[in-house]
Amino acid sequence: MVFQRGNDLLQVVEFQHVKPGKGPAFVRTKLRNLRTTSIFEEKLRPSEKFEEVRVENRKMDYLYSEGDMLVVMDKETFDQIYIPSEMLGKQLELLAENEELTVAMNGEEPLSVDLPLTVVREITFCEPGVKGDTATGATKTATVEGGGKVNVPLFLNQGDRIKIDSRTFTYLERSKE
């Protein structure tokens, strides 16, 4: 849920309804300011009123980078818009050209950008695995396209394509593509 307070657009990341032994109930929330990307915790009382903001998620294709801006194209209208690259945060290391992104829009203002939950990338660098080391479940650090670093099993080598969880940068499986 996204709501407006003053000039800030706030997104509820987590919430917990608390009924203490004494006093009225309240909701403990973790909120993200969509304009500054800061996350903070706050207690909200049931009597507080907020204006809910309509946020539309649009599928867009990433075309290229221009300085610290990303140029993306709306798949329906073919309009190109500029989005600050810091909206992606750490996910920027997994971004590849022609990647489909989900952009949350408030009218014509982009609020947040997300990669798909899983992405397939090629390993561009990793240390060679040692034969016989696979029984321990040990991992090594591998660099993938875009510069992201992911811990992968020892049997993977440079040139292999792997599926990665884009939120946590964790290895999921070897790609069949």
C-alpha atoms as a PDB file:
ATOM      1  CA  MET A   1       0.000   0.000   0.000  1.00  0.00           C
ATOM      2  CA  VAL A   2       1.205   3.513  -0.815  1.00  0.00           C
ATOM      3  CA  PHE A   3      -0.115   6.633   0.911  1.00  0.00           C
ATOM      4  CA  GLN A   4       0.723  10.319   0.980  1.00  0.00           C
ATOM      5  CA  ARG A   5       1.721  12.344   4.025  1.00  0.00           C
ATOM      6  CA  GLY A   6       2.693  15.933   3.249  1.00  0.00           C
ATOM      7  CA  ASN A   7       4.924  15.794   0.149  1.00  0.00           C
ATOM      8  CA  ASP A   8       6.145  12.269   0.904  1.00  0.00           C
ATOM      9  CA  LEU A   9       4.868   9.113  -0.744  1.00  0.00           C
ATOM     10  CA  LEU A  10       5.234   6.266   1.753  1.00  0.00           C
ATOM     11  CA  GLN A  11       5.018   2.542   1.040  1.00  0.00           C
ATOM     12  CA  VAL A  12       4.234   0.030   3.787  1.00  0.00           C
ATOM     13  CA  VAL A  13       7.010  -2.573   3.761  1.00  0.00           C
ATOM     14  CA  GLU A  14       6.032  -4.459   6.945  1.00  0.00           C
ATOM     15  CA  PHE A  15       3.362  -4.043   9.591  1.00  0.00           C
ATOM     16  CA  GLN A  16       2.351  -5.612  12.888  1.00  0.00           C
ATOM     17  CA  HIS A  17      -0.857  -4.926  14.801  1.00  0.00           C
ATOM     18  CA  VAL A  18      -0.039  -4.541  18.526  1.00  0.00           C
ATOM     19  CA  LYS A  19      -2.554  -4.683  21.387  1.00  0.00           C
ATOM     20  CA  PRO A  20      -0.656  -3.791  24.565  1.00  0.00           C
ATOM     21  CA  GLY A  21      -2.049  -4.673  28.004  1.00  0.00           C
ATOM     22  CA  LYS A  22      -2.562  -0.984  28.765  1.00  0.00           C
ATOM     23  CA  GLY A  23      -3.610   1.720  26.352  1.00  0.00           C
ATOM     24  CA  PRO A  24      -5.045   1.623  22.846  1.00  0.00           C
ATOM     25  CA  ALA A  25      -3.938  -0.671  20.033  1.00  0.00           C
ATOM     26  CA  PHE A  26      -1.530   0.586  17.373  1.00  0.00           C
ATOM     27  CA  VAL A  27       0.205  -0.628  14.227  1.00  0.00           C
ATOM     28  CA  ARG A  28       4.003  -0.871  14.187  1.00  0.00           C
ATOM     29  CA  THR A  29       5.111  -0.285  10.591  1.00  0.00           C
ATOM     30  CA  LYS A  30       8.231  -0.212   8.497  1.00  0.00           C
ATOM     31  CA  LEU A  31       7.777   2.473   5.830  1.00  0.00           C
ATOM     32  CA  ARG A  32       9.772   3.335   2.700  1.00  0.00           C
ATOM     33  CA  ASN A  33       9.809   6.888   1.420  1.00  0.00           C
ATOM     34  CA  LEU A  34       9.521   6.346  -2.346  1.00  0.00           C
ATOM     35  CA  ARG A  35      11.083   9.691  -3.250  1.00  0.00           C
ATOM     36  CA  THR A  36      14.189   9.384  -1.047  1.00  0.00           C
ATOM     37  CA  THR A  37      14.250   5.527  -0.813  1.00  0.00           C
ATOM     38  CA  SER A  38      14.892   5.744   2.953  1.00  0.00           C
ATOM     39  CA  ILE A  39      13.304   3.136   5.232  1.00  0.00           C
ATOM     40  CA  PHE A  40      12.156   3.945   8.762  1.00  0.00           C
ATOM     41  CA  GLU A  41       9.918   2.537  11.490  1.00  0.00           C
ATOM     42  CA  GLU A  42       6.885   4.304  12.898  1.00  0.00           C
ATOM     43  CA  LYS A  43       3.893   3.592  15.143  1.00  0.00           C
ATOM     44  CA  LEU A  44       0.528   4.486  13.612  1.00  0.00           C
ATOM     45  CA  ARG A  45      -2.625   5.021  15.682  1.00  0.00           C
ATOM     46  CA  PRO A  46      -6.032   3.793  14.454  1.00  0.00           C
ATOM     47  CA  SER A  47      -7.357   7.369  14.500  1.00  0.00           C
ATOM     48  CA  GLU A  48      -4.817   8.597  11.905  1.00  0.00           C
ATOM     49  CA  LYS A  49      -6.155   9.110   8.383  1.00  0.00           C
ATOM     50  CA  PHE A  50      -4.084   8.920   5.188  1.00  0.00           C
ATOM     51  CA  GLU A  51      -4.764   9.546   1.531  1.00  0.00           C
ATOM     52  CA  GLU A  52      -4.113   6.369  -0.467  1.00  0.00           C
ATOM     53  CA  VAL A  53      -2.190   6.932  -3.696  1.00  0.00           C
ATOM     54  CA  ARG A  54      -2.989   4.966  -6.834  1.00  0.00           C
ATOM     55  CA  VAL A  55       0.185   3.314  -8.077  1.00  0.00           C
ATOM     56  CA  GLU A  56       0.246   1.599 -11.458  1.00  0.00           C
ATOM     57  CA  ASN A  57       2.831  -1.091 -12.196  1.00  0.00           C
ATOM     58  CA  ARG A  58       3.959  -0.970 -15.827  1.00  0.00           C
ATOM     59  CA  LYS A  59       6.150  -3.422 -17.716  1.00  0.00           C
ATOM     60  CA  MET A  60       9.016  -1.596 -19.412  1.00  0.00           C
ATOM     61  CA  ASP A  61      12.123  -2.624 -21.314  1.00  0.00           C
ATOM     62  CA  TYR A  62      15.542  -1.302 -20.262  1.00  0.00           C
ATOM     63  CA  LEU A  63      17.254   0.134 -23.345  1.00  0.00           C
ATOM     64  CA  TYR A  64      20.531   1.738 -22.230  1.00  0.00           C
ATOM     65  CA  SER A  65      22.266   3.933 -19.621  1.00  0.00           C
ATOM     66  CA  GLU A  66      22.887   7.622 -20.111  1.00  0.00           C
ATOM     67  CA  GLY A  67      25.075   8.956 -17.312  1.00  0.00           C
ATOM     68  CA  ASP A  68      23.332   8.149 -14.034  1.00  0.00           C
ATOM     69  CA  MET A  69      19.959   7.713 -15.753  1.00  0.00           C
ATOM     70  CA  LEU A  70      18.370   4.571 -17.210  1.00  0.00           C
ATOM     71  CA  VAL A  71      16.387   4.891 -20.435  1.00  0.00           C
ATOM     72  CA  VAL A  72      13.363   2.572 -20.420  1.00  0.00           C
ATOM     73  CA  MET A  73      10.552   2.096 -22.924  1.00  0.00           C
ATOM     74  CA  ASP A  74       6.917   1.472 -22.068  1.00  0.00           C
ATOM     75  CA  LYS A  75       5.833  -1.763 -23.777  1.00  0.00           C
ATOM     76  CA  GLU A  76       2.322  -0.492 -24.548  1.00  0.00           C
ATOM     77  CA  THR A  77       2.841   3.123 -25.642  1.00  0.00           C
ATOM     78  CA  PHE A  78       6.521   2.858 -26.737  1.00  0.00           C
ATOM     79  CA  ASP A  79       7.256   6.094 -24.810  1.00  0.00           C
ATOM     80  CA  GLN A  80      10.821   6.402 -23.537  1.00  0.00           C
ATOM     81  CA  ILE A  81      11.365   7.776 -20.044  1.00  0.00           C
ATOM     82  CA  TYR A  82      14.433   8.469 -17.917  1.00  0.00           C
ATOM     83  CA  ILE A  83      14.715   6.881 -14.484  1.00  0.00           C
ATOM     84  CA  PRO A  84      17.506   7.584 -11.955  1.00  0.00           C
ATOM     85  CA  SER A  85      19.739   4.501 -11.692  1.00  0.00           C
ATOM     86  CA  GLU A  86      19.805   4.718  -7.867  1.00  0.00           C
ATOM     87  CA  MET A  87      16.148   3.568  -7.875  1.00  0.00           C
ATOM     88  CA  LEU A  88      17.420   0.053  -8.635  1.00  0.00           C
ATOM     89  CA  GLY A  89      19.986   0.164  -5.828  1.00  0.00           C
ATOM     90  CA  LYS A  90      22.110  -2.989  -5.647  1.00  0.00           C
ATOM     91  CA  GLN A  91      19.991  -4.654  -8.362  1.00  0.00           C
ATOM     92  CA  LEU A  92      21.760  -2.384 -10.868  1.00  0.00           C
ATOM     93  CA  GLU A  93      24.649  -4.917 -10.826  1.00  0.00           C
ATOM     94  CA  LEU A  94      22.327  -7.530 -12.381  1.00  0.00           C
ATOM     95  CA  LEU A  95      20.793  -5.260 -15.025  1.00  0.00           C
ATOM     96  CA  ALA A  96      21.232  -6.278 -18.672  1.00  0.00           C
ATOM     97  CA  GLU A  97      20.095  -4.579 -21.885  1.00  0.00           C
ATOM     98  CA  ASN A  98      16.560  -5.407 -23.055  1.00  0.00           C
ATOM     99  CA  GLU A  99      15.683  -6.605 -19.543  1.00  0.00           C
ATOM    100  CA  GLU A 100      11.997  -6.322 -18.660  1.00  0.00           C
ATOM    101  CA  LEU A 101      11.521  -4.140 -15.588  1.00  0.00           C
ATOM    102  CA  THR A 102       8.464  -3.446 -13.452  1.00  0.00           C
ATOM    103  CA  VAL A 103       8.148   0.307 -12.884  1.00  0.00           C
ATOM    104  CA  ALA A 104       5.700   1.639 -10.283  1.00  0.00           C
ATOM    105  CA  MET A 105       4.242   4.892 -11.615  1.00  0.00           C
ATOM    106  CA  ASN A 106       2.195   7.616  -9.933  1.00  0.00           C
ATOM    107  CA  GLY A 107       0.797   9.395 -12.978  1.00  0.00           C
ATOM    108  CA  GLU A 108       3.934  10.163 -14.999  1.00  0.00           C
ATOM    109  CA  GLU A 109       6.335  10.026 -12.020  1.00  0.00           C
ATOM    110  CA  PRO A 110       8.327   6.785 -11.583  1.00  0.00           C
ATOM    111  CA  LEU A 111       8.368   5.712  -7.925  1.00  0.00           C
ATOM    112  CA  SER A 112      10.289   2.439  -7.915  1.00  0.00           C
ATOM    113  CA  VAL A 113      11.916  -0.017 -10.320  1.00  0.00           C
ATOM    114  CA  ASP A 114      12.257  -3.773  -9.876  1.00  0.00           C
ATOM    115  CA  LEU A 115      13.959  -6.538 -11.839  1.00  0.00           C
ATOM    116  CA  PRO A 116      12.100  -9.824 -12.328  1.00  0.00           C
ATOM    117  CA  LEU A 117      12.334 -12.082  -9.257  1.00  0.00           C
ATOM    118  CA  THR A 118      14.801 -14.371 -11.031  1.00  0.00           C
ATOM    119  CA  VAL A 119      17.302 -13.497 -13.743  1.00  0.00           C
ATOM    120  CA  VAL A 120      19.613 -15.673 -15.834  1.00  0.00           C
ATOM    121  CA  ARG A 121      23.187 -14.439 -16.158  1.00  0.00           C
ATOM    122  CA  GLU A 122      26.459 -15.824 -17.472  1.00  0.00           C
ATOM    123  CA  ILE A 123      29.399 -16.225 -15.095  1.00  0.00           C
ATOM    124  CA  THR A 124      32.142 -13.910 -16.385  1.00  0.00           C
ATOM    125  CA  PHE A 125      34.775 -14.797 -13.752  1.00  0.00           C
ATOM    126  CA  CYS A 126      35.248 -17.383 -11.016  1.00  0.00           C
ATOM    127  CA  GLU A 127      38.046 -19.489  -9.642  1.00  0.00           C
ATOM    128  CA  PRO A 128      38.203 -22.999 -11.133  1.00  0.00           C
ATOM    129  CA  GLY A 129      36.601 -25.715  -9.013  1.00  0.00           C
ATOM    130  CA  VAL A 130      38.780 -28.424  -7.490  1.00  0.00           C
ATOM    131  CA  LYS A 131      37.759 -32.003  -8.272  1.00  0.00           C
ATOM    132  CA  GLY A 132      36.355 -33.806  -5.245  1.00  0.00           C
ATOM    133  CA  ASP A 133      35.336 -30.666  -3.344  1.00  0.00           C
ATOM    134  CA  THR A 134      31.610 -30.972  -4.044  1.00  0.00           C
ATOM    135  CA  ALA A 135      30.622 -33.148  -1.074  1.00  0.00           C
ATOM    136  CA  THR A 136      30.953 -30.362   1.500  1.00  0.00           C
ATOM    137  CA  GLY A 137      28.431 -27.963  -0.067  1.00  0.00           C
ATOM    138  CA  ALA A 138      31.089 -25.250  -0.131  1.00  0.00           C
ATOM    139  CA  THR A 139      30.690 -22.178  -2.321  1.00  0.00           C
ATOM    140  CA  LYS A 140      32.909 -19.713  -4.128  1.00  0.00           C
ATOM    141  CA  THR A 141      32.319 -16.148  -5.290  1.00  0.00           C
ATOM    142  CA  ALA A 142      31.526 -15.673  -8.968  1.00  0.00           C
ATOM    143  CA  THR A 143      31.173 -12.460 -10.958  1.00  0.00           C
ATOM    144  CA  VAL A 144      28.248 -12.401 -13.398  1.00  0.00           C
ATOM    145  CA  GLU A 145      27.305 -10.158 -16.337  1.00  0.00           C
ATOM    146  CA  GLY A 146      26.822  -6.602 -15.079  1.00  0.00           C
ATOM    147  CA  GLY A 147      29.381  -6.978 -12.279  1.00  0.00           C
ATOM    148  CA  GLY A 148      27.239  -8.585  -9.552  1.00  0.00           C
ATOM    149  CA  LYS A 149      28.891 -11.071  -7.203  1.00  0.00           C
ATOM    150  CA  VAL A 150      27.079 -14.288  -6.286  1.00  0.00           C
ATOM    151  CA  ASN A 151      28.129 -17.262  -4.138  1.00  0.00           C
ATOM    152  CA  VAL A 152      27.876 -20.395  -6.297  1.00  0.00           C
ATOM    153  CA  PRO A 153      28.712 -24.106  -5.820  1.00  0.00           C
ATOM    154  CA  LEU A 154      32.273 -25.192  -6.609  1.00  0.00           C
ATOM    155  CA  PHE A 155      31.311 -27.208  -9.728  1.00  0.00           C
ATOM    156  CA  LEU A 156      30.295 -24.096 -11.717  1.00  0.00           C
ATOM    157  CA  ASN A 157      32.806 -22.541 -14.112  1.00  0.00           C
ATOM    158  CA  GLN A 158      33.290 -19.407 -16.160  1.00  0.00           C
ATOM    159  CA  GLY A 159      30.821 -19.315 -19.082  1.00  0.00           C
ATOM    160  CA  ASP A 160      28.062 -21.243 -17.263  1.00  0.00           C
ATOM    161  CA  ARG A 161      24.622 -19.606 -17.160  1.00  0.00           C
ATOM    162  CA  ILE A 162      22.918 -19.527 -13.760  1.00  0.00           C
ATOM    163  CA  LYS A 163      19.553 -18.452 -12.356  1.00  0.00           C
ATOM    164  CA  ILE A 164      19.821 -15.831  -9.587  1.00  0.00           C
ATOM    165  CA  ASP A 165      17.271 -14.441  -7.110  1.00  0.00           C
ATOM    166  CA  SER A 166      17.479 -10.707  -7.893  1.00  0.00           C
ATOM    167  CA  ARG A 167      16.348  -9.608  -4.403  1.00  0.00           C
ATOM    168  CA  THR A 168      18.924 -11.542  -2.371  1.00  0.00           C
ATOM    169  CA  PHE A 169      21.683 -12.237  -4.966  1.00  0.00           C
ATOM    170  CA  THR A 170      21.517 -15.957  -4.195  1.00  0.00           C
ATOM    171  CA  TYR A 171      22.238 -18.775  -6.630  1.00  0.00           C
ATOM    172  CA  LEU A 172      19.131 -20.840  -7.427  1.00  0.00           C
ATOM    173  CA  GLU A 173      20.162 -23.311 -10.126  1.00  0.00           C
ATOM    174  CA  ARG A 174      22.108 -23.849 -13.320  1.00  0.00           C
ATOM    175  CA  SER A 175      20.141 -22.441 -16.242  1.00  0.00           C
ATOM    176  CA  LYS A 176      18.820 -24.762 -18.925  1.00  0.00           C
ATOM    177  CA  GLU A 177      18.636 -21.916 -21.490  1.00  0.00           C
END
